[in-house]
PDB file of N, CA and C in Angstrom:
ATOM      1  N   MET A   1       3.089  -7.277 -12.321  1.00  0.00           N
ATOM      2  CA  MET A   1       4.394  -6.982 -11.785  1.00  0.00           C
ATOM      3  C   MET A   1       4.390  -7.374 -10.289  1.00  0.00           C
ATOM      4  N   SER A   2       5.441  -8.021  -9.843  1.00  0.00           N
ATOM      5  CA  SER A   2       5.522  -8.486  -8.414  1.00  0.00           C
ATOM      6  C   SER A   2       5.853  -7.313  -7.532  1.00  0.00           C
ATOM      7  N   GLU A   3       5.576  -7.526  -6.208  1.00  0.00           N
ATOM      8  CA  GLU A   3       5.904  -6.486  -5.222  1.00  0.00           C
ATOM      9  C   GLU A   3       7.392  -6.207  -5.234  1.00  0.00           C
ATOM     10  N   ARG A   4       8.176  -7.254  -5.397  1.00  0.00           N
ATOM     11  CA  ARG A   4       9.640  -7.149  -5.396  1.00  0.00           C
ATOM     12  C   ARG A   4      10.114  -6.305  -6.543  1.00  0.00           C
ATOM     13  N   SER A   5       9.603  -6.548  -7.740  1.00  0.00           N
ATOM     14  CA  SER A   5      10.054  -5.737  -8.877  1.00  0.00           C
ATOM     15  C   SER A   5       9.547  -4.310  -8.807  1.00  0.00           C
ATOM     16  N   GLU A   6       8.366  -4.107  -8.207  1.00  0.00           N
ATOM     17  CA  GLU A   6       7.867  -2.720  -8.034  1.00  0.00           C
ATOM     18  C   GLU A   6       8.777  -1.986  -7.028  1.00  0.00           C
ATOM     19  N   GLU A   7       9.190  -2.697  -6.009  1.00  0.00           N
ATOM     20  CA  GLU A   7      10.091  -2.056  -5.000  1.00  0.00           C
ATOM     21  C   GLU A   7      11.437  -1.727  -5.669  1.00  0.00           C
ATOM     22  N   LYS A   8      11.916  -2.638  -6.497  1.00  0.00           N
ATOM     23  CA  LYS A   8      13.171  -2.422  -7.174  1.00  0.00           C
ATOM     24  C   LYS A   8      13.090  -1.166  -8.023  1.00  0.00           C
ATOM     25  N   GLU A   9      12.015  -1.010  -8.790  1.00  0.00           N
ATOM     26  CA  GLU A   9      11.825   0.170  -9.659  1.00  0.00           C
ATOM     27  C   GLU A   9      11.727   1.414  -8.879  1.00  0.00           C
ATOM     28  N   ARG A  10      11.028   1.420  -7.733  1.00  0.00           N
ATOM     29  CA  ARG A  10      10.887   2.564  -6.864  1.00  0.00           C
ATOM     30  C   ARG A  10      12.292   2.965  -6.295  1.00  0.00           C
ATOM     31  N   PHE A  11      12.963   1.955  -5.809  1.00  0.00           N
ATOM     32  CA  PHE A  11      14.285   2.167  -5.186  1.00  0.00           C
ATOM     33  C   PHE A  11      15.235   2.670  -6.250  1.00  0.00           C
ATOM     34  N   TYR A  12      15.288   2.094  -7.415  1.00  0.00           N
ATOM     35  CA  TYR A  12      16.153   2.514  -8.515  1.00  0.00           C
ATOM     36  C   TYR A  12      15.892   3.980  -8.895  1.00  0.00           C
ATOM     37  N   SER A  13      14.591   4.362  -8.942  1.00  0.00           N
ATOM     38  CA  SER A  13      14.200   5.727  -9.271  1.00  0.00           C
ATOM     39  C   SER A  13      14.740   6.687  -8.230  1.00  0.00           C
ATOM     40  N   ARG A  14      14.527   6.345  -6.942  1.00  0.00           N
ATOM     41  CA  ARG A  14      14.989   7.207  -5.851  1.00  0.00           C
ATOM     42  C   ARG A  14      16.485   7.349  -5.828  1.00  0.00           C
ATOM     43  N   LEU A  15      17.210   6.264  -6.094  1.00  0.00           N
ATOM     44  CA  LEU A  15      18.731   6.300  -6.157  1.00  0.00           C
ATOM     45  C   LEU A  15      19.185   7.215  -7.250  1.00  0.00           C
ATOM     46  N   SER A  16      18.438   7.205  -8.394  1.00  0.00           N
ATOM     47  CA  SER A  16      18.874   7.979  -9.544  1.00  0.00           C
ATOM     48  C   SER A  16      18.793   9.466  -9.279  1.00  0.00           C
ATOM     49  N   ARG A  17      18.063   9.894  -8.250  1.00  0.00           N
ATOM     50  CA  ARG A  17      17.955  11.345  -7.904  1.00  0.00           C
ATOM     51  C   ARG A  17      19.068  11.835  -7.007  1.00  0.00           C
ATOM     52  N   ILE A  18      19.917  10.954  -6.603  1.00  0.00           N
ATOM     53  CA  ILE A  18      21.028  11.344  -5.702  1.00  0.00           C
ATOM     54  C   ILE A  18      22.202  11.807  -6.568  1.00  0.00           C
ATOM     55  N   PRO A  19      22.644  13.054  -6.395  1.00  0.00           N
ATOM     56  CA  PRO A  19      23.788  13.536  -7.222  1.00  0.00           C
ATOM     57  C   PRO A  19      25.011  12.711  -6.942  1.00  0.00           C
ATOM     58  N   GLY A  20      25.739  12.307  -7.982  1.00  0.00           N
ATOM     59  CA  GLY A  20      26.987  11.520  -7.799  1.00  0.00           C
ATOM     60  C   GLY A  20      26.736   9.993  -7.836  1.00  0.00           C
ATOM     61  N   ILE A  21      25.457   9.625  -7.961  1.00  0.00           N
ATOM     62  CA  ILE A  21      25.119   8.189  -8.035  1.00  0.00           C
ATOM     63  C   ILE A  21      24.432   7.917  -9.374  1.00  0.00           C
ATOM     64  N   ARG A  22      24.884   6.958 -10.119  1.00  0.00           N
ATOM     65  CA  ARG A  22      24.203   6.598 -11.339  1.00  0.00           C
ATOM     66  C   ARG A  22      23.843   5.088 -11.349  1.00  0.00           C
ATOM     67  N   PRO A  23      22.593   4.785 -11.129  1.00  0.00           N
ATOM     68  CA  PRO A  23      22.150   3.364 -11.182  1.00  0.00           C
ATOM     69  C   PRO A  23      22.386   2.827 -12.582  1.00  0.00           C
ATOM     70  N   MET A  24      22.843   1.577 -12.657  1.00  0.00           N
ATOM     71  CA  MET A  24      23.105   0.964 -13.985  1.00  0.00           C
ATOM     72  C   MET A  24      22.092  -0.195 -14.152  1.00  0.00           C
ATOM     73  N   PRO A  25      21.840  -0.580 -15.412  1.00  0.00           N
ATOM     74  CA  PRO A  25      20.953  -1.744 -15.625  1.00  0.00           C
ATOM     75  C   PRO A  25      21.471  -2.932 -14.814  1.00  0.00           C
ATOM     76  N   SER A  26      20.522  -3.534 -14.067  1.00  0.00           N
ATOM     77  CA  SER A  26      20.919  -4.600 -13.138  1.00  0.00           C
ATOM     78  C   SER A  26      19.926  -5.757 -13.184  1.00  0.00           C
ATOM     79  N   ILE A  27      20.447  -6.930 -12.799  1.00  0.00           N
ATOM     80  CA  ILE A  27      19.648  -8.162 -12.879  1.00  0.00           C
ATOM     81  C   ILE A  27      19.310  -8.671 -11.492  1.00  0.00           C
ATOM     82  N   GLY A  28      18.142  -9.260 -11.393  1.00  0.00           N
ATOM     83  CA  GLY A  28      17.707  -9.876 -10.137  1.00  0.00           C
ATOM     84  C   GLY A  28      17.425  -8.852  -9.064  1.00  0.00           C
ATOM     85  N   ASP A  29      17.740  -9.240  -7.827  1.00  0.00           N
ATOM     86  CA  ASP A  29      17.474  -8.355  -6.691  1.00  0.00           C
ATOM     87  C   ASP A  29      18.620  -7.433  -6.334  1.00  0.00           C
ATOM     88  N   TRP A  30      19.496  -7.150  -7.261  1.00  0.00           N
ATOM     89  CA  TRP A  30      20.643  -6.334  -7.101  1.00  0.00           C
ATOM     90  C   TRP A  30      20.565  -5.089  -7.968  1.00  0.00           C
ATOM     91  N   ILE A  31      21.205  -4.005  -7.464  1.00  0.00           N
ATOM     92  CA  ILE A  31      21.312  -2.816  -8.218  1.00  0.00           C
ATOM     93  C   ILE A  31      22.799  -2.383  -8.212  1.00  0.00           C
ATOM     94  N   LEU A  32      23.312  -2.147  -9.429  1.00  0.00           N
ATOM     95  CA  LEU A  32      24.748  -1.622  -9.512  1.00  0.00           C
ATOM     96  C   LEU A  32      24.598  -0.079  -9.609  1.00  0.00           C
ATOM     97  N   LEU A  33      25.522   0.536  -8.890  1.00  0.00           N
ATOM     98  CA  LEU A  33      25.563   2.026  -8.873  1.00  0.00           C
ATOM     99  C   LEU A  33      26.967   2.463  -9.258  1.00  0.00           C
ATOM    100  N   GLN A  34      27.037   3.375 -10.250  1.00  0.00           N
ATOM    101  CA  GLN A  34      28.307   3.882 -10.654  1.00  0.00           C
ATOM    102  C   GLN A  34      28.576   5.078  -9.722  1.00  0.00           C
ATOM    103  N   VAL A  35      29.731   5.051  -9.059  1.00  0.00           N
ATOM    104  CA  VAL A  35      30.079   6.006  -8.027  1.00  0.00           C
ATOM    105  C   VAL A  35      31.585   6.386  -8.228  1.00  0.00           C
ATOM    106  N   SER A  36      31.995   7.543  -7.657  1.00  0.00           N
ATOM    107  CA  SER A  36      33.377   7.978  -7.894  1.00  0.00           C
ATOM    108  C   SER A  36      34.379   7.193  -7.034  1.00  0.00           C
ATOM    109  N   LYS A  37      34.060   6.816  -5.805  1.00  0.00           N
ATOM    110  CA  LYS A  37      34.997   6.106  -4.947  1.00  0.00           C
ATOM    111  C   LYS A  37      34.332   4.886  -4.327  1.00  0.00           C
ATOM    112  N   PRO A  38      34.182   3.831  -5.148  1.00  0.00           N
ATOM    113  CA  PRO A  38      33.429   2.650  -4.701  1.00  0.00           C
ATOM    114  C   PRO A  38      33.913   1.992  -3.415  1.00  0.00           C
ATOM    115  N   SER A  39      35.205   1.778  -3.240  1.00  0.00           N
ATOM    116  CA  SER A  39      35.677   1.119  -2.044  1.00  0.00           C
ATOM    117  C   SER A  39      35.429   1.969  -0.817  1.00  0.00           C
ATOM    118  N   ASP A  40      35.653   3.235  -0.943  1.00  0.00           N
ATOM    119  CA  ASP A  40      35.476   4.193   0.176  1.00  0.00           C
ATOM    120  C   ASP A  40      33.962   4.208   0.573  1.00  0.00           C
ATOM    121  N   LEU A  41      33.069   4.351  -0.398  1.00  0.00           N
ATOM    122  CA  LEU A  41      31.639   4.408  -0.119  1.00  0.00           C
ATOM    123  C   LEU A  41      31.159   3.086   0.504  1.00  0.00           C
ATOM    124  N   ALA A  42      31.569   1.973  -0.040  1.00  0.00           N
ATOM    125  CA  ALA A  42      31.172   0.624   0.483  1.00  0.00           C
ATOM    126  C   ALA A  42      31.637   0.497   1.939  1.00  0.00           C
ATOM    127  N   ARG A  43      32.835   0.864   2.226  1.00  0.00           N
ATOM    128  CA  ARG A  43      33.392   0.754   3.573  1.00  0.00           C
ATOM    129  C   ARG A  43      32.516   1.578   4.573  1.00  0.00           C
ATOM    130  N   LYS A  44      32.234   2.829   4.165  1.00  0.00           N
ATOM    131  CA  LYS A  44      31.473   3.708   5.060  1.00  0.00           C
ATOM    132  C   LYS A  44      30.021   3.230   5.243  1.00  0.00           C
ATOM    133  N   VAL A  45      29.392   2.766   4.168  1.00  0.00           N
ATOM    134  CA  VAL A  45      27.996   2.238   4.282  1.00  0.00           C
ATOM    135  C   VAL A  45      27.984   1.012   5.175  1.00  0.00           C
ATOM    136  N   ASN A  46      28.881   0.096   4.905  1.00  0.00           N
ATOM    137  CA  ASN A  46      28.900  -1.148   5.690  1.00  0.00           C
ATOM    138  C   ASN A  46      29.206  -0.900   7.179  1.00  0.00           C
ATOM    139  N   ARG A  47      30.033   0.109   7.432  1.00  0.00           N
ATOM    140  CA  ARG A  47      30.389   0.450   8.806  1.00  0.00           C
ATOM    141  C   ARG A  47      29.188   1.055   9.511  1.00  0.00           C
ATOM    142  N   ARG A  48      28.433   1.892   8.785  1.00  0.00           N
ATOM    143  CA  ARG A  48      27.301   2.579   9.360  1.00  0.00           C
ATOM    144  C   ARG A  48      26.070   1.683   9.546  1.00  0.00           C
ATOM    145  N   LEU A  49      25.834   0.785   8.560  1.00  0.00           N
ATOM    146  CA  LEU A  49      24.655  -0.069   8.603  1.00  0.00           C
ATOM    147  C   LEU A  49      24.998  -1.439   9.102  1.00  0.00           C
ATOM    148  N   GLU A  50      25.502  -2.285   8.231  1.00  0.00           N
ATOM    149  CA  GLU A  50      25.975  -3.624   8.660  1.00  0.00           C
ATOM    150  C   GLU A  50      26.869  -4.192   7.536  1.00  0.00           C
ATOM    151  N   PRO A  51      27.856  -5.000   7.911  1.00  0.00           N
ATOM    152  CA  PRO A  51      28.758  -5.539   6.922  1.00  0.00           C
ATOM    153  C   PRO A  51      27.992  -6.291   5.753  1.00  0.00           C
ATOM    154  N   GLY A  52      28.435  -6.023   4.542  1.00  0.00           N
ATOM    155  CA  GLY A  52      27.864  -6.723   3.390  1.00  0.00           C
ATOM    156  C   GLY A  52      26.686  -6.064   2.763  1.00  0.00           C
ATOM    157  N   VAL A  53      26.231  -4.915   3.325  1.00  0.00           N
ATOM    158  CA  VAL A  53      25.094  -4.209   2.753  1.00  0.00           C
ATOM    159  C   VAL A  53      25.465  -3.721   1.329  1.00  0.00           C
ATOM    160  N   MET A  54      26.687  -3.295   1.181  1.00  0.00           N
ATOM    161  CA  MET A  54      27.194  -2.807  -0.119  1.00  0.00           C
ATOM    162  C   MET A  54      28.509  -3.503  -0.445  1.00  0.00           C
ATOM    163  N   SER A  55      28.639  -3.965  -1.685  1.00  0.00           N
ATOM    164  CA  SER A  55      29.865  -4.614  -2.082  1.00  0.00           C
ATOM    165  C   SER A  55      30.411  -3.975  -3.359  1.00  0.00           C
ATOM    166  N   VAL A  56      31.695  -4.243  -3.616  1.00  0.00           N
ATOM    167  CA  VAL A  56      32.380  -3.749  -4.767  1.00  0.00           C
ATOM    168  C   VAL A  56      32.634  -4.874  -5.727  1.00  0.00           C
ATOM    169  N   PRO A  57      31.911  -5.006  -6.854  1.00  0.00           N
ATOM    170  CA  PRO A  57      32.143  -6.093  -7.735  1.00  0.00           C
ATOM    171  C   PRO A  57      33.496  -5.894  -8.484  1.00  0.00           C
ATOM    172  N   ARG A  58      34.262  -6.966  -8.560  1.00  0.00           N
ATOM    173  CA  ARG A  58      35.580  -6.912  -9.162  1.00  0.00           C
ATOM    174  C   ARG A  58      35.453  -6.644 -10.693  1.00  0.00           C
ATOM    175  N   HIS A  59      34.429  -7.164 -11.331  1.00  0.00           N
ATOM    176  CA  HIS A  59      34.351  -7.093 -12.784  1.00  0.00           C
ATOM    177  C   HIS A  59      33.685  -5.833 -13.348  1.00  0.00           C
ATOM    178  N   VAL A  60      33.295  -4.888 -12.443  1.00  0.00           N
ATOM    179  CA  VAL A  60      32.699  -3.618 -12.896  1.00  0.00           C
ATOM    180  C   VAL A  60      33.449  -2.468 -12.256  1.00  0.00           C
ATOM    181  N   PRO A  61      34.381  -1.840 -12.933  1.00  0.00           N
ATOM    182  CA  PRO A  61      35.102  -0.752 -12.367  1.00  0.00           C
ATOM    183  C   PRO A  61      34.241   0.464 -12.046  1.00  0.00           C
ATOM    184  N   GLY A  62      34.493   1.140 -10.956  1.00  0.00           N
ATOM    185  CA  GLY A  62      33.756   2.346 -10.604  1.00  0.00           C
ATOM    186  C   GLY A  62      32.362   2.103 -10.152  1.00  0.00           C
ATOM    187  N   ALA A  63      32.077   0.867  -9.631  1.00  0.00           N
ATOM    188  CA  ALA A  63      30.704   0.566  -9.207  1.00  0.00           C
ATOM    189  C   ALA A  63      30.622  -0.128  -7.868  1.00  0.00           C
ATOM    190  N   VAL A  64      29.502   0.022  -7.250  1.00  0.00           N
ATOM    191  CA  VAL A  64      29.124  -0.771  -6.008  1.00  0.00           C
ATOM    192  C   VAL A  64      27.848  -1.484  -6.295  1.00  0.00           C
ATOM    193  N   ARG A  65      27.576  -2.518  -5.503  1.00  0.00           N
ATOM    194  CA  ARG A  65      26.365  -3.299  -5.714  1.00  0.00           C
ATOM    195  C   ARG A  65      25.615  -3.390  -4.390  1.00  0.00           C
ATOM    196  N   ILE A  66      24.294  -3.163  -4.455  1.00  0.00           N
ATOM    197  CA  ILE A  66      23.437  -3.261  -3.301  1.00  0.00           C
ATOM    198  C   ILE A  66      22.261  -4.192  -3.585  1.00  0.00           C
ATOM    199  N   HIS A  67      21.797  -4.828  -2.521  1.00  0.00           N
ATOM    200  CA  HIS A  67      20.670  -5.708  -2.631  1.00  0.00           C
ATOM    201  C   HIS A  67      19.342  -5.008  -2.395  1.00  0.00           C
ATOM    202  N   VAL A  68      18.340  -5.261  -3.214  1.00  0.00           N
ATOM    203  CA  VAL A  68      17.034  -4.686  -2.991  1.00  0.00           C
ATOM    204  C   VAL A  68      16.337  -5.489  -1.883  1.00  0.00           C
ATOM    205  N   ALA A  69      15.981  -4.773  -0.764  1.00  0.00           N
ATOM    206  CA  ALA A  69      15.377  -5.426   0.373  1.00  0.00           C
ATOM    207  C   ALA A  69      13.940  -4.891   0.486  1.00  0.00           C
ATOM    208  N   ASP A  70      13.415  -4.877   1.679  1.00  0.00           N
ATOM    209  CA  ASP A  70      12.072  -4.369   1.944  1.00  0.00           C
ATOM    210  C   ASP A  70      12.120  -2.818   1.959  1.00  0.00           C
ATOM    211  N   PRO A  71      10.982  -2.137   1.725  1.00  0.00           N
ATOM    212  CA  PRO A  71      10.991  -0.716   1.664  1.00  0.00           C
ATOM    213  C   PRO A  71      11.652   0.000   2.808  1.00  0.00           C
ATOM    214  N   LYS A  72      11.455  -0.477   4.037  1.00  0.00           N
ATOM    215  CA  LYS A  72      12.060   0.149   5.240  1.00  0.00           C
ATOM    216  C   LYS A  72      13.580   0.116   5.148  1.00  0.00           C
ATOM    217  N   ARG A  73      14.152  -1.027   4.859  1.00  0.00           N
ATOM    218  CA  ARG A  73      15.619  -1.199   4.794  1.00  0.00           C
ATOM    219  C   ARG A  73      16.141  -0.405   3.611  1.00  0.00           C
ATOM    220  N   ASN A  74      15.405  -0.393   2.522  1.00  0.00           N
ATOM    221  CA  ASN A  74      15.849   0.398   1.313  1.00  0.00           C
ATOM    222  C   ASN A  74      15.914   1.879   1.638  1.00  0.00           C
ATOM    223  N   GLU A  75      14.905   2.363   2.357  1.00  0.00           N
ATOM    224  CA  GLU A  75      14.892   3.779   2.720  1.00  0.00           C
ATOM    225  C   GLU A  75      16.086   4.148   3.610  1.00  0.00           C
ATOM    226  N   GLU A  76      16.395   3.240   4.514  1.00  0.00           N
ATOM    227  CA  GLU A  76      17.549   3.430   5.425  1.00  0.00           C
ATOM    228  C   GLU A  76      18.829   3.519   4.609  1.00  0.00           C
ATOM    229  N   LEU A  77      18.978   2.591   3.648  1.00  0.00           N
ATOM    230  CA  LEU A  77      20.145   2.574   2.822  1.00  0.00           C
ATOM    231  C   LEU A  77      20.215   3.834   1.951  1.00  0.00           C
ATOM    232  N   LEU A  78      19.066   4.221   1.365  1.00  0.00           N
ATOM    233  CA  LEU A  78      19.002   5.427   0.552  1.00  0.00           C
ATOM    234  C   LEU A  78      19.488   6.618   1.298  1.00  0.00           C
ATOM    235  N   GLN A  79      18.968   6.807   2.543  1.00  0.00           N
ATOM    236  CA  GLN A  79      19.362   7.938   3.396  1.00  0.00           C
ATOM    237  C   GLN A  79      20.847   7.935   3.697  1.00  0.00           C
ATOM    238  N   THR A  80      21.366   6.748   3.999  1.00  0.00           N
ATOM    239  CA  THR A  80      22.821   6.630   4.339  1.00  0.00           C
ATOM    240  C   THR A  80      23.641   7.011   3.092  1.00  0.00           C
ATOM    241  N   ILE A  81      23.285   6.479   1.932  1.00  0.00           N
ATOM    242  CA  ILE A  81      24.067   6.829   0.706  1.00  0.00           C
ATOM    243  C   ILE A  81      23.951   8.354   0.441  1.00  0.00           C
ATOM    244  N   ARG A  82      22.754   8.918   0.556  1.00  0.00           N
ATOM    245  CA  ARG A  82      22.568  10.366   0.349  1.00  0.00           C
ATOM    246  C   ARG A  82      23.466  11.166   1.273  1.00  0.00           C
ATOM    247  N   GLU A  83      23.549  10.815   2.571  1.00  0.00           N
ATOM    248  CA  GLU A  83      24.401  11.536   3.511  1.00  0.00           C
ATOM    249  C   GLU A  83      25.856  11.402   3.188  1.00  0.00           C
ATOM    250  N   LEU A  84      26.296  10.211   2.782  1.00  0.00           N
ATOM    251  CA  LEU A  84      27.723   9.921   2.565  1.00  0.00           C
ATOM    252  C   LEU A  84      28.245  10.500   1.260  1.00  0.00           C
ATOM    253  N   VAL A  85      27.407  10.709   0.273  1.00  0.00           N
ATOM    254  CA  VAL A  85      27.907  11.261  -0.973  1.00  0.00           C
ATOM    255  C   VAL A  85      27.681  12.749  -1.097  1.00  0.00           C
ATOM    256  N   ALA A  86      26.990  13.350  -0.122  1.00  0.00           N
ATOM    257  CA  ALA A  86      26.721  14.748  -0.133  1.00  0.00           C
ATOM    258  C   ALA A  86      27.993  15.571   0.017  1.00  0.00           C
TER     259      ALA A  86
END
């Protein structure tokens, strides 16, 4: 297993422990998350971190999409999501 896929599994597992967030089966370096207010969450995350960190896919209602990055950036994103959905 590559470092990238190991990091994706670790990140996916950590995201699944956040109440109100449900990771969905995802392809490549992206993870889809089922959330209650996708546009609101994406706007807040992108404002706090940087534009484009989280996007709202048009073809998946009630979901946001995030890119799997390096462990440091993933932890920063994880913490931000945790704070915003609390």
